[in-house]
Amino acid sequence: MNYLVLLRHGESQWNLENKFTGWVDVDLSAKGEGEAKNAGLLIKKANLKFDYLFTSVLKRAIRTAQIACENAGFVNLPTERDQALNERHYGALQGLNKKETADKFGEEQVHIWRRSYDVPPPADKTELNPLGMTESLKDTAARTIPYYQEHIEKLVKEGKNVLITAHGNSLRSLVMFLDNLTKEQVLELNIPTGTPLVYEFENGKVIKSYYLKNE
C-alpha cells in the first residue's frame, strides 16, 4: 500500500479579510501558520512518510508545505512547484471583498461565479489582473488534472508516497478526478484548510480516503 496526501494551505491573510485571492501571492495569516503546523503534527502522528512533494508556485502553499514538513520531521524532500497547481484565477474579482462584491453585483450572480462549474468571473484588466485572465472550475481542472496525470500519477503507480500542497479549487479538481465525481457532485465539495486528505492506493487504485483530524 502507498498513499497520496492532499493538503490545502492554511488560512491566508486574504481568507481572513474575506477577499477573493486567486493568483495574488498573499502569505499565511497567523492562524494559517498554526493550521500548517497542526497538519504536520497530524502527519507525524499518523507516521506518514513521503518520497515527493508537489506545490503550486504561490507562497501560501509553499509556506504551508514548509511548516508542515518541518513539524512532521521531513527535510530535503524532492520538490516540484508548478502553476498548474495554482488556485483558480478569479479574474476581475481578485482583491475585492466578497461581501462588497455581492452588494455590487448581487448575491445570485456572485454565487454563480463562485460555485458554478463552467461560468468564470469577469475578465476585466485590473492592477491585480493585468493580463485579463479568469477561470471557472472547469478551466482549473483542465490544467490541474493533466498535470497530475503526467507528473504525479506515474509516481503513485510506482508505489511512491506523494504530498501535494495546493489550494481549494485545484485540489477540488484532483478529488473530482480521483473520486470520479460528476460536475454536480464537485460543486458540493469543500476541502478544509490545513487538514490532510489521505488517499490510500493498492496496485495503483484508490482503496480508501479519509481526513487526518485532531481527536
N, C-alpha and C. Protein backbone atom coordinates (compact mmCIF):
# COMPACT_ATOMS: atom_id res chain seq x y z
N MET A 1 0.84 -1.20 0.00
CA MET A 1 0.00 0.00 0.00
C MET A 1 0.88 1.25 0.00
N ASN A 2 0.46 2.26 -0.74
CA ASN A 2 1.11 3.57 -0.69
C ASN A 2 0.02 4.63 -0.66
N TYR A 3 0.42 5.89 -0.54
CA TYR A 3 -0.59 6.92 -0.34
C TYR A 3 -0.21 8.24 -0.98
N LEU A 4 -1.26 9.00 -1.26
CA LEU A 4 -1.19 10.36 -1.76
C LEU A 4 -1.92 11.24 -0.75
N VAL A 5 -1.29 12.32 -0.31
CA VAL A 5 -1.93 13.22 0.64
C VAL A 5 -2.12 14.59 0.00
N LEU A 6 -3.34 15.09 0.04
CA LEU A 6 -3.67 16.42 -0.47
C LEU A 6 -3.84 17.35 0.73
N LEU A 7 -3.14 18.49 0.68
CA LEU A 7 -3.20 19.44 1.80
C LEU A 7 -3.50 20.83 1.26
N ARG A 8 -4.67 21.36 1.62
CA ARG A 8 -4.99 22.75 1.28
C ARG A 8 -4.22 23.67 2.23
N HIS A 9 -3.67 24.74 1.68
CA HIS A 9 -2.89 25.67 2.50
C HIS A 9 -3.70 26.18 3.68
N GLY A 10 -3.00 26.60 4.74
CA GLY A 10 -3.65 27.22 5.88
C GLY A 10 -4.29 28.54 5.50
N GLU A 11 -5.08 29.07 6.41
CA GLU A 11 -5.76 30.34 6.16
C GLU A 11 -4.75 31.41 5.71
N SER A 12 -5.08 32.11 4.63
CA SER A 12 -4.22 33.20 4.16
C SER A 12 -4.72 34.53 4.73
N GLN A 13 -3.91 35.55 4.57
CA GLN A 13 -4.29 36.87 5.07
C GLN A 13 -5.57 37.35 4.39
N TRP A 14 -5.73 37.03 3.12
CA TRP A 14 -6.94 37.46 2.41
C TRP A 14 -8.14 36.56 2.69
N ASN A 15 -7.90 35.29 3.07
CA ASN A 15 -9.01 34.50 3.60
C ASN A 15 -9.57 35.21 4.82
N LEU A 16 -8.65 35.64 5.69
CA LEU A 16 -9.02 36.34 6.93
C LEU A 16 -9.80 37.61 6.62
N GLU A 17 -9.38 38.33 5.58
CA GLU A 17 -10.02 39.60 5.22
C GLU A 17 -11.21 39.42 4.29
N ASN A 18 -11.57 38.17 3.98
CA ASN A 18 -12.73 37.84 3.16
C ASN A 18 -12.62 38.40 1.74
N LYS A 19 -11.40 38.30 1.17
CA LYS A 19 -11.17 38.79 -0.19
C LYS A 19 -10.99 37.63 -1.16
N PHE A 20 -11.38 37.86 -2.43
CA PHE A 20 -11.05 36.92 -3.49
C PHE A 20 -9.55 36.97 -3.74
N THR A 21 -8.88 35.82 -3.70
CA THR A 21 -7.42 35.80 -3.77
C THR A 21 -6.91 35.30 -5.11
N GLY A 22 -7.33 34.11 -5.52
CA GLY A 22 -6.90 33.58 -6.81
C GLY A 22 -5.39 33.47 -6.92
N TRP A 23 -4.81 34.13 -7.93
CA TRP A 23 -3.37 34.03 -8.18
C TRP A 23 -2.57 35.12 -7.47
N VAL A 24 -3.23 35.99 -6.72
CA VAL A 24 -2.49 37.01 -5.97
C VAL A 24 -1.69 36.31 -4.88
N ASP A 25 -0.41 36.70 -4.75
CA ASP A 25 0.53 35.91 -3.94
C ASP A 25 0.58 36.41 -2.50
N VAL A 26 -0.49 36.19 -1.76
CA VAL A 26 -0.54 36.62 -0.36
C VAL A 26 -0.02 35.51 0.55
N ASP A 27 0.41 35.91 1.74
CA ASP A 27 1.01 34.96 2.68
C ASP A 27 -0.05 34.41 3.64
N LEU A 28 0.38 33.48 4.48
CA LEU A 28 -0.49 32.92 5.50
C LEU A 28 -0.77 33.93 6.61
N SER A 29 -1.93 33.81 7.21
CA SER A 29 -2.20 34.53 8.45
C SER A 29 -1.56 33.76 9.60
N ALA A 30 -1.57 34.35 10.80
CA ALA A 30 -1.05 33.64 11.97
C ALA A 30 -1.83 32.35 12.20
N LYS A 31 -3.14 32.40 11.99
CA LYS A 31 -3.96 31.19 12.13
C LYS A 31 -3.54 30.16 11.09
N GLY A 32 -3.26 30.62 9.86
CA GLY A 32 -2.84 29.71 8.80
C GLY A 32 -1.54 29.02 9.11
N GLU A 33 -0.61 29.75 9.72
CA GLU A 33 0.65 29.13 10.14
C GLU A 33 0.39 28.04 11.18
N GLY A 34 -0.53 28.31 12.10
CA GLY A 34 -0.90 27.30 13.09
C GLY A 34 -1.55 26.08 12.47
N GLU A 35 -2.38 26.31 11.45
CA GLU A 35 -3.02 25.18 10.74
C GLU A 35 -1.98 24.32 10.03
N ALA A 36 -0.98 24.99 9.43
CA ALA A 36 0.08 24.25 8.73
C ALA A 36 0.89 23.42 9.73
N LYS A 37 1.19 24.01 10.88
CA LYS A 37 1.92 23.28 11.92
C LYS A 37 1.11 22.07 12.39
N ASN A 38 -0.17 22.28 12.62
CA ASN A 38 -1.03 21.18 13.07
C ASN A 38 -1.10 20.07 12.02
N ALA A 39 -1.14 20.45 10.73
CA ALA A 39 -1.16 19.44 9.66
C ALA A 39 0.08 18.58 9.73
N GLY A 40 1.25 19.22 9.95
CA GLY A 40 2.49 18.47 10.06
C GLY A 40 2.48 17.51 11.24
N LEU A 41 1.94 17.97 12.36
CA LEU A 41 1.88 17.11 13.55
C LEU A 41 0.92 15.94 13.33
N LEU A 42 -0.18 16.18 12.61
CA LEU A 42 -1.10 15.08 12.29
C LEU A 42 -0.43 14.05 11.38
N ILE A 43 0.34 14.53 10.42
CA ILE A 43 1.06 13.63 9.51
C ILE A 43 2.09 12.80 10.29
N LYS A 44 2.79 13.48 11.21
CA LYS A 44 3.78 12.78 12.04
C LYS A 44 3.12 11.72 12.91
N LYS A 45 2.00 12.09 13.52
CA LYS A 45 1.28 11.15 14.40
C LYS A 45 0.79 9.93 13.62
N ALA A 46 0.40 10.15 12.36
CA ALA A 46 -0.08 9.03 11.53
C ALA A 46 1.07 8.23 10.94
N ASN A 47 2.31 8.69 11.21
CA ASN A 47 3.52 8.00 10.75
C ASN A 47 3.59 7.90 9.24
N LEU A 48 3.17 8.99 8.56
CA LEU A 48 3.25 9.02 7.10
C LEU A 48 4.61 9.56 6.67
N LYS A 49 5.20 8.94 5.69
CA LYS A 49 6.48 9.37 5.12
C LYS A 49 6.29 9.60 3.62
N PHE A 50 7.04 10.55 3.08
CA PHE A 50 6.85 10.90 1.67
C PHE A 50 8.14 10.79 0.87
N ASP A 51 7.95 10.45 -0.41
CA ASP A 51 9.07 10.40 -1.36
C ASP A 51 9.17 11.68 -2.17
N TYR A 52 8.02 12.35 -2.39
CA TYR A 52 7.99 13.55 -3.23
C TYR A 52 6.97 14.55 -2.69
N LEU A 53 7.28 15.84 -2.92
CA LEU A 53 6.39 16.94 -2.57
C LEU A 53 6.11 17.76 -3.83
N PHE A 54 4.84 18.08 -4.05
CA PHE A 54 4.44 18.97 -5.14
C PHE A 54 3.64 20.12 -4.55
N THR A 55 3.94 21.35 -5.01
CA THR A 55 3.17 22.51 -4.57
C THR A 55 2.88 23.41 -5.78
N SER A 56 1.98 24.37 -5.55
CA SER A 56 1.81 25.44 -6.53
C SER A 56 3.00 26.38 -6.41
N VAL A 57 2.99 27.47 -7.18
CA VAL A 57 4.08 28.45 -7.09
C VAL A 57 3.72 29.60 -6.15
N LEU A 58 2.58 29.53 -5.49
CA LEU A 58 2.12 30.61 -4.62
C LEU A 58 2.60 30.39 -3.19
N LYS A 59 3.02 31.49 -2.55
CA LYS A 59 3.73 31.37 -1.26
C LYS A 59 2.87 30.76 -0.16
N ARG A 60 1.55 30.93 -0.20
CA ARG A 60 0.73 30.36 0.87
C ARG A 60 0.75 28.83 0.84
N ALA A 61 0.89 28.25 -0.35
CA ALA A 61 1.02 26.80 -0.46
C ALA A 61 2.44 26.35 -0.13
N ILE A 62 3.43 27.11 -0.61
CA ILE A 62 4.83 26.77 -0.35
C ILE A 62 5.12 26.84 1.15
N ARG A 63 4.65 27.92 1.80
CA ARG A 63 4.90 28.08 3.24
C ARG A 63 4.17 27.00 4.05
N THR A 64 2.96 26.65 3.63
CA THR A 64 2.24 25.57 4.32
C THR A 64 3.02 24.28 4.23
N ALA A 65 3.55 23.98 3.06
CA ALA A 65 4.35 22.76 2.90
C ALA A 65 5.59 22.80 3.77
N GLN A 66 6.27 23.95 3.81
CA GLN A 66 7.49 24.07 4.60
C GLN A 66 7.21 23.87 6.09
N ILE A 67 6.18 24.55 6.59
CA ILE A 67 5.84 24.45 8.01
C ILE A 67 5.38 23.04 8.36
N ALA A 68 4.53 22.46 7.51
CA ALA A 68 4.04 21.10 7.75
C ALA A 68 5.18 20.10 7.76
N CYS A 69 6.08 20.21 6.78
CA CYS A 69 7.20 19.27 6.70
C CYS A 69 8.14 19.41 7.89
N GLU A 70 8.39 20.64 8.32
CA GLU A 70 9.25 20.85 9.49
C GLU A 70 8.66 20.16 10.72
N ASN A 71 7.37 20.30 10.91
CA ASN A 71 6.72 19.72 12.08
C ASN A 71 6.47 18.23 11.97
N ALA A 72 6.52 17.72 10.73
CA ALA A 72 6.40 16.27 10.53
C ALA A 72 7.77 15.59 10.59
N GLY A 73 8.83 16.40 10.57
CA GLY A 73 10.18 15.85 10.66
C GLY A 73 10.84 15.53 9.34
N PHE A 74 10.36 16.15 8.24
CA PHE A 74 10.94 15.88 6.92
C PHE A 74 11.95 16.97 6.56
N VAL A 75 13.03 16.59 5.93
CA VAL A 75 13.99 17.56 5.40
C VAL A 75 14.36 17.15 3.97
N ASN A 76 14.52 18.14 3.13
CA ASN A 76 15.03 17.94 1.76
C ASN A 76 14.22 16.94 0.94
N LEU A 77 12.88 17.04 1.02
CA LEU A 77 12.05 16.21 0.15
C LEU A 77 12.23 16.67 -1.30
N PRO A 78 12.39 15.76 -2.25
CA PRO A 78 12.39 16.17 -3.66
C PRO A 78 11.08 16.92 -3.96
N THR A 79 11.23 18.15 -4.47
CA THR A 79 10.08 19.05 -4.58
C THR A 79 9.94 19.59 -6.00
N GLU A 80 8.69 19.65 -6.46
CA GLU A 80 8.39 20.29 -7.74
C GLU A 80 7.26 21.29 -7.53
N ARG A 81 7.44 22.51 -8.06
CA ARG A 81 6.42 23.54 -7.96
C ARG A 81 5.96 23.91 -9.36
N ASP A 82 4.65 24.06 -9.52
CA ASP A 82 4.14 24.38 -10.86
C ASP A 82 2.84 25.17 -10.74
N GLN A 83 2.65 26.15 -11.63
CA GLN A 83 1.43 26.95 -11.59
C GLN A 83 0.20 26.15 -12.02
N ALA A 84 0.41 24.96 -12.54
CA ALA A 84 -0.74 24.09 -12.84
C ALA A 84 -1.51 23.74 -11.57
N LEU A 85 -0.84 23.83 -10.41
CA LEU A 85 -1.49 23.54 -9.13
C LEU A 85 -1.99 24.80 -8.44
N ASN A 86 -1.84 25.96 -9.10
CA ASN A 86 -2.31 27.22 -8.50
C ASN A 86 -3.81 27.20 -8.25
N GLU A 87 -4.23 28.12 -7.38
CA GLU A 87 -5.65 28.34 -7.17
C GLU A 87 -6.30 28.77 -8.48
N ARG A 88 -7.60 28.59 -8.55
CA ARG A 88 -8.38 29.13 -9.67
C ARG A 88 -8.15 30.64 -9.77
N HIS A 89 -8.04 31.15 -10.99
CA HIS A 89 -7.88 32.59 -11.21
C HIS A 89 -9.26 33.25 -11.17
N TYR A 90 -9.41 34.20 -10.26
CA TYR A 90 -10.73 34.82 -10.06
C TYR A 90 -10.95 36.09 -10.89
N GLY A 91 -10.09 36.32 -11.88
CA GLY A 91 -10.32 37.41 -12.81
C GLY A 91 -10.41 38.76 -12.14
N ALA A 92 -11.40 39.55 -12.55
CA ALA A 92 -11.55 40.91 -12.04
C ALA A 92 -11.98 40.95 -10.58
N LEU A 93 -12.36 39.80 -10.02
CA LEU A 93 -12.78 39.77 -8.61
C LEU A 93 -11.60 39.75 -7.65
N GLN A 94 -10.41 39.44 -8.15
CA GLN A 94 -9.26 39.31 -7.26
C GLN A 94 -8.99 40.61 -6.52
N GLY A 95 -8.84 40.49 -5.20
CA GLY A 95 -8.60 41.64 -4.35
C GLY A 95 -9.85 42.30 -3.82
N LEU A 96 -11.04 41.90 -4.32
CA LEU A 96 -12.29 42.50 -3.86
C LEU A 96 -12.83 41.76 -2.64
N ASN A 97 -13.40 42.49 -1.73
CA ASN A 97 -14.07 41.90 -0.57
C ASN A 97 -15.32 41.15 -1.05
N LYS A 98 -15.53 39.95 -0.54
CA LYS A 98 -16.62 39.11 -1.05
C LYS A 98 -17.99 39.71 -0.73
N LYS A 99 -18.14 40.31 0.44
CA LYS A 99 -19.43 40.92 0.78
C LYS A 99 -19.70 42.13 -0.10
N GLU A 100 -18.69 42.99 -0.28
CA GLU A 100 -18.86 44.16 -1.14
C GLU A 100 -19.16 43.76 -2.58
N THR A 101 -18.54 42.66 -3.03
CA THR A 101 -18.80 42.17 -4.39
C THR A 101 -20.25 41.72 -4.53
N ALA A 102 -20.76 41.05 -3.49
CA ALA A 102 -22.16 40.61 -3.52
C ALA A 102 -23.10 41.81 -3.51
N ASP A 103 -22.74 42.84 -2.75
CA ASP A 103 -23.57 44.05 -2.72
C ASP A 103 -23.59 44.73 -4.09
N LYS A 104 -22.45 44.68 -4.80
CA LYS A 104 -22.32 45.37 -6.08
C LYS A 104 -23.00 44.61 -7.22
N PHE A 105 -22.75 43.30 -7.30
CA PHE A 105 -23.23 42.52 -8.44
C PHE A 105 -24.48 41.69 -8.12
N GLY A 106 -24.80 41.57 -6.84
CA GLY A 106 -25.91 40.73 -6.42
C GLY A 106 -25.43 39.37 -5.96
N GLU A 107 -26.02 38.86 -4.89
CA GLU A 107 -25.57 37.60 -4.31
C GLU A 107 -25.72 36.44 -5.29
N GLU A 108 -26.80 36.45 -6.07
CA GLU A 108 -27.03 35.34 -7.01
C GLU A 108 -25.94 35.27 -8.07
N GLN A 109 -25.55 36.44 -8.63
CA GLN A 109 -24.51 36.45 -9.66
C GLN A 109 -23.17 36.01 -9.08
N VAL A 110 -22.83 36.49 -7.88
CA VAL A 110 -21.56 36.11 -7.26
C VAL A 110 -21.55 34.62 -6.93
N HIS A 111 -22.70 34.10 -6.51
CA HIS A 111 -22.80 32.67 -6.23
C HIS A 111 -22.53 31.86 -7.49
N ILE A 112 -23.04 32.32 -8.62
CA ILE A 112 -22.80 31.64 -9.89
C ILE A 112 -21.31 31.64 -10.22
N TRP A 113 -20.68 32.81 -10.06
CA TRP A 113 -19.24 32.89 -10.34
C TRP A 113 -18.44 31.98 -9.42
N ARG A 114 -18.84 31.90 -8.17
CA ARG A 114 -18.06 31.14 -7.18
C ARG A 114 -18.31 29.64 -7.26
N ARG A 115 -19.56 29.23 -7.51
CA ARG A 115 -19.91 27.82 -7.32
C ARG A 115 -20.34 27.09 -8.58
N SER A 116 -20.49 27.78 -9.71
CA SER A 116 -20.82 27.04 -10.93
C SER A 116 -19.58 26.32 -11.43
N TYR A 117 -19.79 25.34 -12.29
CA TYR A 117 -18.66 24.55 -12.79
C TYR A 117 -17.96 25.22 -13.95
N ASP A 118 -18.72 25.88 -14.83
CA ASP A 118 -18.11 26.35 -16.08
C ASP A 118 -18.38 27.82 -16.40
N VAL A 119 -18.80 28.61 -15.41
CA VAL A 119 -19.00 30.05 -15.63
C VAL A 119 -17.90 30.81 -14.90
N PRO A 120 -16.97 31.43 -15.64
CA PRO A 120 -15.88 32.17 -15.00
C PRO A 120 -16.33 33.57 -14.59
N PRO A 121 -15.62 34.19 -13.61
CA PRO A 121 -15.88 35.58 -13.28
C PRO A 121 -15.49 36.49 -14.45
N PRO A 122 -15.85 37.78 -14.40
CA PRO A 122 -15.45 38.69 -15.48
C PRO A 122 -13.94 38.80 -15.58
N ALA A 123 -13.46 39.08 -16.78
CA ALA A 123 -12.01 39.04 -17.06
C ALA A 123 -11.42 40.42 -17.28
N ASP A 124 -12.02 41.46 -16.70
CA ASP A 124 -11.51 42.81 -16.90
C ASP A 124 -10.06 42.92 -16.43
N LYS A 125 -9.31 43.77 -17.10
CA LYS A 125 -7.93 44.02 -16.68
C LYS A 125 -7.92 44.96 -15.48
N THR A 126 -7.20 44.54 -14.43
CA THR A 126 -7.04 45.36 -13.24
C THR A 126 -5.58 45.30 -12.81
N GLU A 127 -5.24 46.08 -11.79
CA GLU A 127 -3.87 46.07 -11.28
C GLU A 127 -3.48 44.68 -10.79
N LEU A 128 -4.46 43.96 -10.23
CA LEU A 128 -4.19 42.61 -9.74
C LEU A 128 -4.39 41.55 -10.81
N ASN A 129 -4.81 41.96 -12.00
CA ASN A 129 -5.05 41.02 -13.09
C ASN A 129 -4.70 41.70 -14.42
N PRO A 130 -3.45 42.09 -14.61
CA PRO A 130 -3.08 42.90 -15.80
C PRO A 130 -3.27 42.18 -17.12
N LEU A 131 -3.27 40.84 -17.13
CA LEU A 131 -3.43 40.10 -18.38
C LEU A 131 -4.90 39.81 -18.70
N GLY A 132 -5.79 40.19 -17.79
CA GLY A 132 -7.21 39.95 -18.04
C GLY A 132 -7.58 38.48 -17.99
N MET A 133 -6.91 37.72 -17.14
CA MET A 133 -7.20 36.29 -17.02
C MET A 133 -8.46 36.04 -16.18
N THR A 134 -9.04 34.88 -16.33
CA THR A 134 -10.12 34.42 -15.46
C THR A 134 -10.31 32.92 -15.71
N GLU A 135 -10.82 32.21 -14.69
CA GLU A 135 -11.03 30.77 -14.82
C GLU A 135 -12.29 30.33 -14.09
N SER A 136 -12.98 29.38 -14.69
CA SER A 136 -14.01 28.62 -13.99
C SER A 136 -13.34 27.40 -13.35
N LEU A 137 -14.11 26.65 -12.57
CA LEU A 137 -13.57 25.40 -12.01
C LEU A 137 -13.22 24.43 -13.15
N LYS A 138 -14.01 24.43 -14.21
CA LYS A 138 -13.72 23.59 -15.37
C LYS A 138 -12.36 23.94 -15.97
N ASP A 139 -12.06 25.25 -16.08
CA ASP A 139 -10.77 25.69 -16.60
C ASP A 139 -9.62 25.24 -15.68
N THR A 140 -9.85 25.34 -14.39
CA THR A 140 -8.83 24.93 -13.42
C THR A 140 -8.54 23.44 -13.56
N ALA A 141 -9.60 22.65 -13.67
CA ALA A 141 -9.43 21.19 -13.84
C ALA A 141 -8.69 20.87 -15.12
N ALA A 142 -8.86 21.72 -16.15
CA ALA A 142 -8.23 21.47 -17.45
C ALA A 142 -6.71 21.60 -17.40
N ARG A 143 -6.18 22.26 -16.36
CA ARG A 143 -4.72 22.30 -16.22
C ARG A 143 -4.24 21.39 -15.08
N THR A 144 -5.06 21.27 -14.03
CA THR A 144 -4.64 20.51 -12.85
C THR A 144 -4.62 19.01 -13.11
N ILE A 145 -5.66 18.49 -13.72
CA ILE A 145 -5.76 17.03 -13.93
C ILE A 145 -4.69 16.53 -14.90
N PRO A 146 -4.47 17.18 -16.07
CA PRO A 146 -3.38 16.71 -16.94
C PRO A 146 -2.01 16.77 -16.25
N TYR A 147 -1.78 17.79 -15.44
CA TYR A 147 -0.51 17.88 -14.72
C TYR A 147 -0.36 16.68 -13.77
N TYR A 148 -1.43 16.36 -13.06
CA TYR A 148 -1.40 15.19 -12.17
C TYR A 148 -1.12 13.91 -12.97
N GLN A 149 -1.80 13.75 -14.08
CA GLN A 149 -1.62 12.54 -14.88
C GLN A 149 -0.21 12.41 -15.43
N GLU A 150 0.40 13.53 -15.78
CA GLU A 150 1.72 13.50 -16.39
C GLU A 150 2.86 13.41 -15.38
N HIS A 151 2.71 14.06 -14.23
CA HIS A 151 3.83 14.21 -13.31
C HIS A 151 3.70 13.40 -12.01
N ILE A 152 2.48 13.12 -11.58
CA ILE A 152 2.28 12.54 -10.25
C ILE A 152 1.72 11.13 -10.30
N GLU A 153 0.79 10.88 -11.20
CA GLU A 153 0.12 9.58 -11.25
C GLU A 153 1.10 8.44 -11.45
N LYS A 154 2.13 8.66 -12.26
CA LYS A 154 3.10 7.59 -12.51
C LYS A 154 3.88 7.25 -11.23
N LEU A 155 4.15 8.25 -10.40
CA LEU A 155 4.84 8.00 -9.14
C LEU A 155 3.97 7.18 -8.20
N VAL A 156 2.69 7.54 -8.14
CA VAL A 156 1.75 6.80 -7.29
C VAL A 156 1.65 5.34 -7.76
N LYS A 157 1.60 5.15 -9.08
CA LYS A 157 1.50 3.79 -9.62
C LYS A 157 2.78 2.98 -9.39
N GLU A 158 3.90 3.70 -9.19
CA GLU A 158 5.16 3.02 -8.85
C GLU A 158 5.27 2.69 -7.37
N GLY A 159 4.25 3.08 -6.60
CA GLY A 159 4.26 2.79 -5.17
C GLY A 159 4.89 3.87 -4.31
N LYS A 160 5.13 5.06 -4.90
CA LYS A 160 5.72 6.16 -4.14
C LYS A 160 4.64 6.87 -3.31
N ASN A 161 5.08 7.50 -2.22
CA ASN A 161 4.19 8.29 -1.38
C ASN A 161 4.39 9.76 -1.71
N VAL A 162 3.29 10.47 -2.00
CA VAL A 162 3.36 11.82 -2.52
C VAL A 162 2.50 12.77 -1.68
N LEU A 163 3.04 13.96 -1.42
CA LEU A 163 2.30 15.03 -0.75
C LEU A 163 2.10 16.17 -1.74
N ILE A 164 0.86 16.63 -1.89
CA ILE A 164 0.54 17.79 -2.72
C ILE A 164 -0.03 18.86 -1.82
N THR A 165 0.61 20.03 -1.81
CA THR A 165 0.10 21.17 -1.05
C THR A 165 -0.32 22.24 -2.05
N ALA A 166 -1.62 22.53 -2.05
CA ALA A 166 -2.15 23.44 -3.06
C ALA A 166 -3.35 24.22 -2.50
N HIS A 167 -4.42 24.33 -3.27
CA HIS A 167 -5.49 25.30 -2.99
C HIS A 167 -6.86 24.64 -3.10
N GLY A 168 -7.87 25.36 -2.59
CA GLY A 168 -9.21 24.79 -2.56
C GLY A 168 -9.69 24.28 -3.90
N ASN A 169 -9.57 25.09 -4.96
CA ASN A 169 -10.13 24.69 -6.24
C ASN A 169 -9.23 23.74 -7.04
N SER A 170 -7.92 23.92 -6.94
CA SER A 170 -7.05 22.96 -7.64
C SER A 170 -7.17 21.58 -7.01
N LEU A 171 -7.33 21.53 -5.67
CA LEU A 171 -7.50 20.23 -5.01
C LEU A 171 -8.90 19.66 -5.25
N ARG A 172 -9.90 20.52 -5.34
CA ARG A 172 -11.24 20.01 -5.69
C ARG A 172 -11.20 19.32 -7.06
N SER A 173 -10.44 19.90 -7.98
CA SER A 173 -10.30 19.30 -9.31
C SER A 173 -9.68 17.91 -9.22
N LEU A 174 -8.65 17.78 -8.38
CA LEU A 174 -7.99 16.48 -8.23
C LEU A 174 -8.91 15.46 -7.56
N VAL A 175 -9.66 15.91 -6.56
CA VAL A 175 -10.60 15.00 -5.90
C VAL A 175 -11.68 14.55 -6.88
N MET A 176 -12.12 15.46 -7.74
CA MET A 176 -13.10 15.09 -8.77
C MET A 176 -12.56 13.97 -9.63
N PHE A 177 -11.28 14.06 -9.99
CA PHE A 177 -10.64 13.03 -10.81
C PHE A 177 -10.46 11.73 -10.02
N LEU A 178 -9.92 11.82 -8.81
CA LEU A 178 -9.62 10.62 -8.02
C LEU A 178 -10.88 9.86 -7.60
N ASP A 179 -11.94 10.62 -7.28
CA ASP A 179 -13.19 10.01 -6.81
C ASP A 179 -14.22 9.83 -7.93
N ASN A 180 -13.84 10.24 -9.14
CA ASN A 180 -14.73 10.10 -10.30
C ASN A 180 -16.07 10.80 -10.05
N LEU A 181 -15.99 12.06 -9.56
CA LEU A 181 -17.20 12.81 -9.27
C LEU A 181 -17.76 13.45 -10.54
N THR A 182 -19.06 13.67 -10.55
CA THR A 182 -19.69 14.43 -11.62
C THR A 182 -19.46 15.93 -11.35
N LYS A 183 -19.71 16.76 -12.36
CA LYS A 183 -19.53 18.20 -12.15
C LYS A 183 -20.55 18.73 -11.14
N GLU A 184 -21.70 18.05 -11.00
CA GLU A 184 -22.67 18.46 -9.98
C GLU A 184 -22.16 18.10 -8.58
N GLN A 185 -21.57 16.91 -8.46
CA GLN A 185 -21.07 16.48 -7.16
C GLN A 185 -19.91 17.34 -6.67
N VAL A 186 -19.03 17.75 -7.59
CA VAL A 186 -17.85 18.51 -7.17
C VAL A 186 -18.25 19.90 -6.67
N LEU A 187 -19.38 20.42 -7.10
CA LEU A 187 -19.82 21.73 -6.64
C LEU A 187 -20.18 21.71 -5.17
N GLU A 188 -20.53 20.54 -4.64
CA GLU A 188 -20.88 20.41 -3.22
C GLU A 188 -19.66 20.16 -2.35
N LEU A 189 -18.51 19.99 -2.98
CA LEU A 189 -17.29 19.59 -2.27
C LEU A 189 -16.57 20.81 -1.70
N ASN A 190 -16.24 20.76 -0.43
CA ASN A 190 -15.43 21.80 0.19
C ASN A 190 -14.28 21.15 0.94
N ILE A 191 -13.06 21.55 0.64
CA ILE A 191 -11.88 20.99 1.29
C ILE A 191 -11.40 21.95 2.35
N PRO A 192 -11.36 21.54 3.62
CA PRO A 192 -10.97 22.46 4.69
C PRO A 192 -9.48 22.81 4.65
N THR A 193 -9.15 24.00 5.13
CA THR A 193 -7.75 24.43 5.17
C THR A 193 -6.98 23.62 6.20
N GLY A 194 -5.73 23.32 5.87
CA GLY A 194 -4.81 22.72 6.83
C GLY A 194 -5.19 21.35 7.36
N THR A 195 -5.98 20.61 6.59
CA THR A 195 -6.44 19.28 7.04
C THR A 195 -6.03 18.24 6.01
N PRO A 196 -5.03 17.40 6.31
CA PRO A 196 -4.55 16.43 5.32
C PRO A 196 -5.63 15.44 4.90
N LEU A 197 -5.78 15.28 3.58
CA LEU A 197 -6.71 14.30 3.00
C LEU A 197 -5.88 13.16 2.41
N VAL A 198 -6.01 11.98 2.98
CA VAL A 198 -5.18 10.83 2.61
C VAL A 198 -5.94 9.92 1.65
N TYR A 199 -5.28 9.59 0.53
CA TYR A 199 -5.77 8.56 -0.39
C TYR A 199 -4.83 7.37 -0.30
N GLU A 200 -5.36 6.22 0.06
CA GLU A 200 -4.56 5.00 0.07
C GLU A 200 -4.73 4.26 -1.24
N PHE A 201 -3.62 3.77 -1.77
CA PHE A 201 -3.62 3.07 -3.06
C PHE A 201 -3.11 1.65 -2.89
N GLU A 202 -3.63 0.77 -3.72
CA GLU A 202 -3.12 -0.59 -3.83
C GLU A 202 -3.08 -0.92 -5.31
N ASN A 203 -1.90 -1.26 -5.81
CA ASN A 203 -1.73 -1.55 -7.24
C ASN A 203 -2.23 -0.41 -8.12
N GLY A 204 -1.96 0.82 -7.67
CA GLY A 204 -2.32 1.98 -8.46
C GLY A 204 -3.77 2.40 -8.40
N LYS A 205 -4.57 1.73 -7.59
CA LYS A 205 -6.00 2.03 -7.48
C LYS A 205 -6.32 2.56 -6.08
N VAL A 206 -7.20 3.57 -6.02
CA VAL A 206 -7.64 4.08 -4.72
C VAL A 206 -8.46 3.02 -4.00
N ILE A 207 -8.07 2.75 -2.75
CA ILE A 207 -8.86 1.79 -1.96
C ILE A 207 -9.67 2.49 -0.87
N LYS A 208 -9.19 3.64 -0.38
CA LYS A 208 -10.00 4.44 0.55
C LYS A 208 -9.37 5.81 0.71
N SER A 209 -10.17 6.74 1.24
CA SER A 209 -9.67 8.08 1.52
C SER A 209 -10.28 8.59 2.82
N TYR A 210 -9.54 9.47 3.51
CA TYR A 210 -10.01 9.98 4.80
C TYR A 210 -9.17 11.21 5.19
N TYR A 211 -9.75 12.04 6.05
CA TYR A 211 -9.03 13.19 6.59
C TYR A 211 -8.32 12.81 7.89
N LEU A 212 -7.15 13.38 8.10
CA LEU A 212 -6.47 13.30 9.40
C LEU A 212 -6.99 14.46 10.25
N LYS A 213 -7.49 14.16 11.44
CA LYS A 213 -8.06 15.20 12.29
C LYS A 213 -7.58 15.02 13.72
N ASN A 214 -7.64 16.12 14.48
CA ASN A 214 -7.34 16.04 15.89
C ASN A 214 -8.46 15.28 16.60
N GLU A 215 -8.06 14.48 17.54
CA GLU A 215 -9.07 13.69 18.29
C GLU A 215 -9.84 14.57 19.25
